[in-house]
N, C-alpha and C. Protein backbone atom coordinates (compact mmCIF):
# COMPACT_ATOMS: atom_id res chain seq x y z
N MET A 1 -0.09 -4.09 -17.26
CA MET A 1 0.76 -3.05 -16.54
C MET A 1 1.41 -2.92 -15.12
N SER A 2 0.50 -3.62 -14.58
CA SER A 2 0.72 -4.03 -13.21
C SER A 2 1.19 -5.31 -12.73
N GLN A 3 1.65 -6.25 -13.48
CA GLN A 3 2.41 -7.47 -13.28
C GLN A 3 3.29 -7.36 -12.36
N PHE A 4 4.58 -6.32 -12.49
CA PHE A 4 5.66 -6.02 -11.99
C PHE A 4 5.04 -5.86 -10.49
N TYR A 5 4.03 -5.36 -9.92
CA TYR A 5 3.52 -4.94 -8.99
C TYR A 5 3.15 -6.40 -8.13
N TRP A 6 2.64 -7.35 -8.73
CA TRP A 6 1.92 -8.49 -8.38
C TRP A 6 2.86 -9.76 -8.09
N GLU A 7 4.14 -9.35 -9.00
CA GLU A 7 5.31 -10.28 -8.90
C GLU A 7 5.88 -9.83 -7.98
N GLY A 8 6.20 -8.64 -7.70
CA GLY A 8 7.19 -8.08 -6.32
C GLY A 8 6.29 -8.50 -5.15
N ALA A 9 5.21 -8.40 -4.91
CA ALA A 9 4.23 -9.00 -3.69
C ALA A 9 4.29 -10.48 -3.50
N ARG A 10 4.21 -11.14 -4.61
CA ARG A 10 4.57 -12.73 -4.36
C ARG A 10 5.75 -12.55 -3.79
N HIS A 11 6.99 -11.87 -3.87
CA HIS A 11 8.36 -12.30 -3.52
C HIS A 11 8.36 -11.46 -2.41
N GLY A 12 7.53 -10.67 -1.37
CA GLY A 12 7.67 -10.23 -0.42
C GLY A 12 8.16 -8.66 -0.60
N ALA A 13 7.91 -8.01 -1.88
CA ALA A 13 8.60 -6.52 -1.95
C ALA A 13 7.06 -5.64 -2.55
N LEU A 14 7.17 -4.44 -1.99
CA LEU A 14 5.96 -3.62 -2.49
C LEU A 14 6.87 -2.54 -3.81
N LEU A 15 6.40 -2.93 -4.67
CA LEU A 15 7.27 -2.53 -6.17
C LEU A 15 6.60 -1.19 -6.53
N LEU A 16 6.92 -0.32 -6.67
CA LEU A 16 6.02 0.95 -7.32
C LEU A 16 7.30 1.39 -8.81
N GLN A 17 6.59 2.23 -9.28
CA GLN A 17 7.33 2.72 -10.62
C GLN A 17 7.98 4.18 -10.06
N ARG A 18 9.20 4.28 -10.62
CA ARG A 18 9.62 5.44 -10.44
C ARG A 18 10.33 6.26 -11.84
N CYS A 19 9.86 7.30 -11.97
CA CYS A 19 10.26 7.88 -13.29
C CYS A 19 11.50 7.98 -13.41
N ARG A 20 12.10 7.53 -14.76
CA ARG A 20 13.61 7.33 -14.73
C ARG A 20 14.16 9.26 -15.31
N ALA A 21 13.24 9.72 -15.90
CA ALA A 21 13.65 11.26 -16.00
C ALA A 21 13.72 12.02 -14.72
N CYS A 22 12.57 12.28 -13.91
CA CYS A 22 12.53 13.23 -12.62
C CYS A 22 12.51 12.50 -11.51
N GLY A 23 12.60 11.16 -11.48
CA GLY A 23 12.61 10.44 -9.86
C GLY A 23 11.23 10.44 -9.47
N TRP A 24 10.26 10.85 -10.14
CA TRP A 24 8.86 10.72 -9.41
C TRP A 24 8.31 9.23 -9.12
N TYR A 25 7.73 9.08 -7.96
CA TYR A 25 6.95 7.98 -7.82
C TYR A 25 5.53 7.64 -8.21
N LEU A 26 4.94 6.58 -8.54
CA LEU A 26 3.91 6.47 -9.20
C LEU A 26 3.11 5.40 -8.67
N HIS A 27 1.91 5.54 -8.24
CA HIS A 27 1.01 4.34 -7.93
C HIS A 27 -0.19 4.98 -7.76
N PRO A 28 -1.03 4.44 -8.72
CA PRO A 28 -1.22 3.10 -8.99
C PRO A 28 -0.13 3.48 -10.53
N PRO A 29 0.33 2.27 -11.37
CA PRO A 29 1.05 2.37 -12.21
C PRO A 29 0.33 3.08 -13.43
N ASP A 30 1.07 4.03 -14.11
CA ASP A 30 0.70 4.82 -15.28
C ASP A 30 1.51 4.48 -16.35
N PRO A 31 1.06 4.80 -18.02
CA PRO A 31 1.84 4.62 -18.85
C PRO A 31 2.84 5.86 -18.88
N THR A 32 2.66 6.90 -18.36
CA THR A 32 3.33 8.17 -18.52
C THR A 32 3.73 8.80 -17.35
N CYS A 33 4.73 9.26 -16.80
CA CYS A 33 4.95 10.38 -15.67
C CYS A 33 4.00 11.68 -15.71
N PRO A 34 3.27 12.05 -14.55
CA PRO A 34 2.52 13.02 -14.33
C PRO A 34 3.16 14.47 -14.28
N ARG A 35 4.54 14.53 -14.05
CA ARG A 35 5.23 15.43 -13.76
C ARG A 35 5.87 15.96 -14.91
N CYS A 36 6.38 15.01 -15.92
CA CYS A 36 7.39 15.17 -16.68
C CYS A 36 7.03 14.61 -18.36
N LEU A 37 6.12 13.79 -18.07
CA LEU A 37 5.38 13.15 -19.29
C LEU A 37 6.07 12.00 -19.80
N SER A 38 7.44 11.81 -19.40
CA SER A 38 8.31 10.87 -19.62
C SER A 38 7.74 9.32 -19.81
N ASP A 39 8.27 8.32 -20.50
CA ASP A 39 7.25 7.21 -20.11
C ASP A 39 8.47 5.86 -20.14
N GLY A 40 9.64 6.34 -19.54
CA GLY A 40 10.96 5.56 -19.02
C GLY A 40 10.33 5.14 -17.33
N PHE A 41 10.15 4.16 -17.27
CA PHE A 41 10.27 3.69 -15.52
C PHE A 41 11.22 2.50 -15.08
N ASP A 42 11.67 2.89 -13.82
CA ASP A 42 12.14 1.82 -13.23
C ASP A 42 10.86 1.11 -12.37
N HIS A 43 11.33 -0.09 -11.74
CA HIS A 43 10.37 -0.37 -10.63
C HIS A 43 11.27 -0.82 -9.58
N VAL A 44 10.62 -0.21 -8.41
CA VAL A 44 12.05 -0.07 -6.99
C VAL A 44 10.83 -0.38 -5.71
N ALA A 45 11.59 -0.88 -4.89
CA ALA A 45 10.89 -1.28 -3.61
C ALA A 45 11.16 -0.14 -2.92
N ALA A 46 9.64 -0.04 -2.12
CA ALA A 46 9.05 0.82 -1.40
C ALA A 46 9.70 0.47 0.21
N SER A 47 9.68 1.22 0.70
CA SER A 47 10.38 1.04 2.17
C SER A 47 9.25 0.42 3.21
N GLY A 48 8.31 0.35 2.75
CA GLY A 48 7.15 -0.40 3.73
C GLY A 48 6.71 0.27 4.68
N ARG A 49 7.04 1.77 5.18
CA ARG A 49 6.76 2.55 5.81
C ARG A 49 6.03 3.91 5.65
N GLY A 50 5.10 4.10 6.37
CA GLY A 50 4.08 5.25 5.88
C GLY A 50 3.16 5.63 7.32
N THR A 51 2.32 6.37 6.65
CA THR A 51 1.25 6.86 7.90
C THR A 51 -0.02 6.76 7.08
N ILE A 52 -1.30 6.29 8.17
CA ILE A 52 -2.60 6.28 7.74
C ILE A 52 -3.11 7.56 7.26
N PHE A 53 -3.25 8.04 6.00
CA PHE A 53 -3.89 9.16 5.24
C PHE A 53 -5.17 9.06 5.59
N ALA A 54 -6.22 8.32 5.58
CA ALA A 54 -7.56 8.15 5.97
C ALA A 54 -8.13 6.56 5.90
N PHE A 55 -9.11 6.36 6.79
CA PHE A 55 -9.42 5.20 6.68
C PHE A 55 -10.98 4.95 7.18
N THR A 56 -11.35 3.97 6.92
CA THR A 56 -12.66 3.31 7.21
C THR A 56 -13.03 1.88 7.59
N ILE A 57 -14.13 1.63 8.52
CA ILE A 57 -14.18 0.24 8.98
C ILE A 57 -15.38 -0.10 8.05
N ALA A 58 -14.97 -1.19 7.47
CA ALA A 58 -16.15 -2.03 6.94
C ALA A 58 -16.87 -2.76 7.61
N ARG A 59 -17.97 -2.67 8.04
CA ARG A 59 -18.82 -3.74 8.78
C ARG A 59 -19.93 -4.74 8.19
N GLN A 60 -19.94 -4.39 6.87
CA GLN A 60 -20.71 -5.30 6.25
C GLN A 60 -20.13 -5.67 4.75
N ALA A 61 -20.16 -6.70 4.32
CA ALA A 61 -19.42 -7.25 3.15
C ALA A 61 -20.06 -6.57 2.15
N PHE A 62 -19.16 -6.25 1.07
CA PHE A 62 -19.82 -5.59 -0.29
C PHE A 62 -20.40 -6.94 -1.30
N HIS A 63 -19.44 -8.29 -0.88
CA HIS A 63 -19.21 -9.34 -1.95
C HIS A 63 -19.29 -10.53 -0.45
N GLN A 64 -19.89 -11.65 -1.07
CA GLN A 64 -19.68 -12.62 -0.10
C GLN A 64 -18.44 -13.14 0.05
N SER A 65 -17.41 -12.83 -0.75
CA SER A 65 -16.25 -13.56 -0.49
C SER A 65 -15.44 -12.73 0.56
N PHE A 66 -15.93 -11.78 1.08
CA PHE A 66 -15.48 -10.86 2.16
C PHE A 66 -16.08 -11.07 3.47
N ALA A 67 -17.28 -11.86 3.55
CA ALA A 67 -18.02 -11.88 4.66
C ALA A 67 -17.24 -12.73 5.81
N ASP A 68 -16.41 -13.20 5.42
CA ASP A 68 -15.54 -13.67 6.72
C ASP A 68 -14.61 -13.08 7.25
N HIS A 69 -14.51 -11.75 6.66
CA HIS A 69 -13.39 -10.89 6.87
C HIS A 69 -13.93 -9.42 7.71
N VAL A 70 -15.32 -9.51 7.88
CA VAL A 70 -15.91 -8.18 8.27
C VAL A 70 -15.72 -8.43 9.92
N PRO A 71 -15.44 -7.05 10.63
CA PRO A 71 -15.34 -6.06 10.01
C PRO A 71 -13.75 -5.70 9.77
N TYR A 72 -13.44 -4.75 8.47
CA TYR A 72 -12.03 -4.75 7.89
C TYR A 72 -11.63 -3.43 7.88
N VAL A 73 -10.54 -3.14 7.83
CA VAL A 73 -9.94 -1.73 7.94
C VAL A 73 -9.48 -1.24 6.46
N LEU A 74 -10.09 -0.69 5.63
CA LEU A 74 -9.55 0.02 4.57
C LEU A 74 -8.99 1.45 4.60
N ALA A 75 -7.91 1.78 3.93
CA ALA A 75 -7.07 3.16 4.32
C ALA A 75 -6.23 3.04 2.98
N LEU A 76 -6.17 4.35 3.03
CA LEU A 76 -5.18 5.02 2.17
C LEU A 76 -3.62 5.57 3.17
N VAL A 77 -2.76 4.61 2.70
CA VAL A 77 -1.50 4.62 3.30
C VAL A 77 -0.62 5.70 2.40
N GLU A 78 -0.12 6.99 3.44
CA GLU A 78 0.80 7.86 2.47
C GLU A 78 2.35 7.01 2.97
N LEU A 79 3.01 6.74 1.83
CA LEU A 79 4.45 6.13 1.92
C LEU A 79 5.20 7.16 1.96
N GLU A 80 6.47 6.86 2.88
CA GLU A 80 7.30 8.04 3.20
C GLU A 80 8.20 8.50 2.12
N GLU A 81 8.05 7.94 1.39
CA GLU A 81 9.23 8.00 -0.51
C GLU A 81 8.91 9.53 -0.68
N GLN A 82 7.52 9.66 -0.54
CA GLN A 82 7.02 10.91 -1.23
C GLN A 82 5.51 11.54 -0.74
N ALA A 83 5.60 12.71 -0.50
CA ALA A 83 4.52 13.14 -0.31
C ALA A 83 3.24 13.14 -1.32
N GLY A 84 2.29 12.75 -0.79
CA GLY A 84 0.90 12.70 -1.71
C GLY A 84 1.09 11.14 -2.43
N LEU A 85 2.49 10.22 -2.43
CA LEU A 85 2.17 9.01 -2.62
C LEU A 85 1.46 7.99 -2.07
N ARG A 86 0.09 7.53 -2.34
CA ARG A 86 -0.66 6.87 -1.15
C ARG A 86 -0.96 5.32 -1.80
N VAL A 87 -1.20 4.77 -1.35
CA VAL A 87 -1.67 3.14 -1.14
C VAL A 87 -3.24 2.74 -0.96
N LEU A 88 -3.74 2.22 -1.53
CA LEU A 88 -5.35 1.92 -1.12
C LEU A 88 -4.93 0.10 -0.61
N SER A 89 -5.08 0.15 0.95
CA SER A 89 -4.78 -1.10 1.42
C SER A 89 -5.61 -1.45 2.48
N ASN A 90 -5.46 -2.60 3.10
CA ASN A 90 -5.94 -2.84 4.29
C ASN A 90 -5.04 -2.83 5.78
N ILE A 91 -5.44 -2.32 6.82
CA ILE A 91 -4.95 -2.25 7.94
C ILE A 91 -5.23 -3.43 8.54
N ILE A 92 -4.40 -4.53 9.35
CA ILE A 92 -4.62 -5.79 9.49
C ILE A 92 -3.88 -5.80 10.77
N GLU A 93 -3.91 -6.76 11.80
CA GLU A 93 -3.02 -7.36 13.25
C GLU A 93 -3.25 -5.68 13.69
N SER A 94 -4.46 -5.02 14.01
CA SER A 94 -4.28 -3.73 14.68
C SER A 94 -5.47 -3.81 15.43
N ASP A 95 -5.48 -2.95 16.47
CA ASP A 95 -6.55 -3.10 17.18
C ASP A 95 -7.47 -1.78 16.73
N HIS A 96 -8.55 -1.88 16.42
CA HIS A 96 -9.45 -0.90 15.40
C HIS A 96 -9.30 0.56 16.27
N ALA A 97 -9.47 0.49 17.74
CA ALA A 97 -9.48 1.55 18.49
C ALA A 97 -8.37 2.41 18.50
N ALA A 98 -7.38 1.82 18.15
CA ALA A 98 -5.94 2.31 18.19
C ALA A 98 -5.65 3.42 16.63
N LEU A 99 -6.53 2.83 15.57
CA LEU A 99 -6.30 3.85 14.56
C LEU A 99 -6.58 5.10 14.58
N ALA A 100 -5.75 5.97 13.95
CA ALA A 100 -6.03 7.30 13.76
C ALA A 100 -5.51 7.97 12.47
N ASP A 101 -5.71 8.72 11.86
CA ASP A 101 -4.91 9.44 10.60
C ASP A 101 -3.85 10.10 11.07
N GLY A 102 -2.79 9.73 10.40
CA GLY A 102 -1.50 9.91 10.60
C GLY A 102 -0.81 8.81 11.53
N ALA A 103 -1.42 7.80 12.16
CA ALA A 103 -0.49 6.88 12.65
C ALA A 103 0.29 6.15 11.93
N PRO A 104 1.55 5.92 12.46
CA PRO A 104 2.76 5.07 11.55
C PRO A 104 2.24 3.51 11.37
N VAL A 105 2.57 3.39 10.35
CA VAL A 105 2.33 1.53 9.88
C VAL A 105 3.35 1.21 9.10
N GLU A 106 3.32 0.01 8.89
CA GLU A 106 4.46 -0.71 8.47
C GLU A 106 3.91 -2.12 7.36
N LEU A 107 4.55 -2.09 6.28
CA LEU A 107 4.05 -3.12 5.35
C LEU A 107 4.41 -4.64 6.06
N THR A 108 3.04 -5.39 5.50
CA THR A 108 3.37 -6.65 6.00
C THR A 108 2.67 -7.57 4.78
N PHE A 109 2.74 -8.86 4.46
CA PHE A 109 1.75 -9.49 3.42
C PHE A 109 1.17 -10.64 3.99
N GLU A 110 -0.15 -10.61 3.06
CA GLU A 110 -1.21 -11.73 3.79
C GLU A 110 -1.00 -12.68 2.40
N ALA A 111 -0.97 -14.16 2.77
CA ALA A 111 -0.96 -14.81 1.73
C ALA A 111 -2.31 -15.31 1.58
N ARG A 112 -2.71 -15.13 0.56
CA ARG A 112 -4.02 -15.99 -0.38
C ARG A 112 -4.10 -16.35 -1.37
N GLY A 113 -3.97 -18.09 -1.27
CA GLY A 113 -3.69 -18.87 -2.13
C GLY A 113 -1.91 -18.65 -2.81
N GLN A 114 -1.99 -18.70 -3.95
CA GLN A 114 -0.57 -18.55 -4.59
C GLN A 114 -0.04 -16.96 -4.63
N TRP A 115 -1.03 -16.07 -4.38
CA TRP A 115 -0.78 -14.44 -4.27
C TRP A 115 -0.27 -14.24 -3.05
N LYS A 116 0.39 -13.11 -2.72
CA LYS A 116 0.54 -12.37 -1.49
C LYS A 116 -0.07 -11.02 -1.54
N LEU A 117 -0.65 -10.47 -0.67
CA LEU A 117 -1.45 -9.23 -0.86
C LEU A 117 -0.59 -8.19 0.21
N PRO A 118 -0.18 -7.15 -0.55
CA PRO A 118 0.61 -6.09 0.22
C PRO A 118 -0.46 -5.48 1.44
N GLN A 119 -0.37 -5.58 2.54
CA GLN A 119 -1.10 -5.15 3.88
C GLN A 119 -0.21 -4.02 4.41
N PHE A 120 -0.88 -3.70 5.60
CA PHE A 120 -0.37 -2.53 6.74
C PHE A 120 -0.71 -3.08 7.61
N ARG A 121 -0.02 -2.87 8.96
CA ARG A 121 -0.15 -2.71 10.36
C ARG A 121 0.43 -1.67 11.05
N LEU A 122 -0.53 -1.37 12.16
CA LEU A 122 0.23 -0.26 12.99
C LEU A 122 1.81 -0.68 13.25
N ARG A 123 2.57 0.65 13.23
CA ARG A 123 4.17 0.35 13.19
C ARG A 123 4.50 -0.14 14.63
N ARG A 124 5.31 -1.24 14.72
CA ARG A 124 5.89 -1.85 15.96
C ARG A 124 7.23 -1.24 16.31
N GLY A 125 7.10 -1.08 17.81
CA GLY A 125 8.56 -0.62 18.27
C GLY A 125 8.67 1.10 17.96
N PRO A 126 9.91 1.53 18.18
CA PRO A 126 10.03 2.98 18.00
C PRO A 126 9.95 3.74 16.85
N THR A 127 9.49 4.86 16.70
CA THR A 127 9.39 5.50 15.05
C THR A 127 10.62 6.16 14.76
N PRO A 128 11.01 6.12 13.71
CA PRO A 128 12.43 6.86 13.23
C PRO A 128 12.31 8.28 13.36
């Protein structure tokens, strides 16, 4: 059900489900729209802009594969496409002291072998 998401990421796009019947964006993917119960969706690219809704700094690895990445930031990013549309991701390339709820962020991708992971960083330049 999430293959479109990972294929989009591989090509540098953050793809989301959007209900054909009511236009509601969904993330994570779901078989039916929670607003109208339709099962028809398009896969559309998100703008890649949003704000930090909440975050935490992990200072201990919960698995050995994360040991080289500590400390890292885990955040809920609210995308600008729709109020309440949130993506769980990491905030990278950013000074941890500069992070705050409501801070504007932008999408970036981190290559991990054959995959690209959607990540976010503090937005650079003027905010629209």
